Amino acid sequence: MTVGNETKKRVKEFVGKVVSNKMDKTVVVAVERKFPHPLYGKQVKKTKKFYAHDEENKCNEGDIVRIRESRPLSKLKRWVVVEIIQSAKK
């Protein structure tokens, strides 16, 4: 979509599970995707980990969260936690 001379980019968003919250204001989110194997057709799972900024340190391990792409915040951190969809059961 173009507005004048500027092009509007879609913001990437993923839903994943928090696997680590040991760092200050940072969580590691594992995002799982499923796709059919190109040759055999069987469903294959791939997991990728993203470092996301959690400003208020609200996320705990096991939470399901939505993350959004942002500007680089540190060497590895390029994502921000938008919302906690489901809290982990304790």
Protein backbone atom coordinates (compact mmCIF):
# COMPACT_ATOMS: atom_id res chain seq x y z
CA MET A 1 0.00 0.00 0.00
CA THR A 2 1.43 3.37 -0.95
CA VAL A 3 0.61 6.70 0.63
CA GLY A 4 2.22 9.47 -1.38
CA ASN A 5 5.91 8.64 -1.70
CA GLU A 6 5.93 6.39 1.37
CA THR A 7 5.24 2.68 1.36
CA LYS A 8 3.41 1.17 4.31
CA LYS A 9 4.97 -2.01 5.70
CA ARG A 10 3.03 -4.72 7.46
CA VAL A 11 4.19 -5.26 11.00
CA LYS A 12 5.12 -8.88 11.72
CA GLU A 13 3.39 -10.45 14.71
CA PHE A 14 3.78 -13.94 16.14
CA VAL A 15 2.22 -15.89 19.00
CA GLY A 16 4.54 -18.06 21.05
CA LYS A 17 5.39 -19.52 24.43
CA VAL A 18 7.81 -17.88 26.90
CA VAL A 19 10.66 -20.33 27.52
CA SER A 20 12.89 -18.05 29.62
CA ASN A 21 12.42 -14.87 31.66
CA LYS A 22 15.70 -14.87 33.54
CA MET A 23 16.99 -11.62 31.99
CA ASP A 24 15.88 -8.17 33.07
CA LYS A 25 13.13 -6.76 30.79
CA THR A 26 13.76 -9.53 28.24
CA VAL A 27 12.00 -12.82 27.53
CA VAL A 28 12.79 -15.62 25.11
CA VAL A 29 9.73 -16.65 23.10
CA ALA A 30 9.58 -19.92 21.16
CA VAL A 31 7.38 -19.67 18.06
CA GLU A 32 6.32 -22.95 16.50
CA ARG A 33 5.17 -23.29 12.91
CA LYS A 34 3.81 -26.31 11.08
CA PHE A 35 4.11 -26.97 7.37
CA PRO A 36 3.93 -29.99 5.07
CA HIS A 37 7.26 -31.60 4.16
CA PRO A 38 8.05 -30.62 0.55
CA LEU A 39 8.54 -34.21 -0.65
CA TYR A 40 6.67 -36.49 1.75
CA GLY A 41 3.76 -34.27 2.76
CA LYS A 42 3.92 -35.11 6.48
CA GLN A 43 3.37 -32.20 8.89
CA VAL A 44 6.71 -30.91 10.20
CA LYS A 45 7.19 -28.68 13.25
CA LYS A 46 9.87 -25.99 13.31
CA THR A 47 10.60 -23.90 16.39
CA LYS A 48 12.39 -20.57 16.37
CA LYS A 49 13.34 -18.52 19.43
CA PHE A 50 13.00 -14.74 19.54
CA TYR A 51 14.30 -12.32 22.17
CA ALA A 52 11.51 -9.89 23.07
CA HIS A 53 11.37 -6.75 25.22
CA ASP A 54 9.10 -7.02 28.29
CA GLU A 55 9.11 -3.54 29.83
CA GLU A 56 7.32 -4.40 33.09
CA ASN A 57 8.76 -7.92 33.62
CA LYS A 58 5.20 -9.33 33.66
CA CYS A 59 5.85 -12.48 31.61
CA ASN A 60 6.57 -15.81 33.28
CA GLU A 61 7.78 -19.09 31.83
CA GLY A 62 4.94 -20.94 30.11
CA ASP A 63 2.90 -17.83 29.24
CA ILE A 64 1.46 -17.57 25.73
CA VAL A 65 2.31 -14.10 24.37
CA ARG A 66 1.97 -12.04 21.20
CA ILE A 67 5.17 -10.36 19.99
CA ARG A 68 5.58 -7.60 17.39
CA GLU A 69 8.60 -6.62 15.32
CA SER A 70 10.31 -3.37 16.32
CA ARG A 71 13.53 -1.47 15.83
CA PRO A 72 16.70 -3.13 17.16
CA LEU A 73 16.76 -2.72 20.94
CA SER A 74 20.03 -4.60 21.56
CA LYS A 75 22.34 -7.04 19.80
CA LEU A 76 19.69 -9.81 19.65
CA LYS A 77 16.44 -8.08 20.67
CA ARG A 78 14.18 -6.92 17.79
CA TRP A 79 10.73 -7.82 19.17
CA VAL A 80 8.36 -6.37 21.79
CA VAL A 81 5.75 -8.22 23.85
CA VAL A 82 2.36 -6.76 22.89
CA GLU A 83 0.09 -8.79 25.17
CA ILE A 84 -0.06 -11.85 27.38
CA ILE A 85 -2.72 -14.06 25.82
CA GLN A 86 -2.70 -16.80 28.45
CA SER A 87 -0.88 -16.95 31.77
CA ALA A 88 0.93 -20.12 32.82
CA LYS A 89 -0.84 -22.35 35.29
CA LYS A 90 0.92 -22.54 38.63
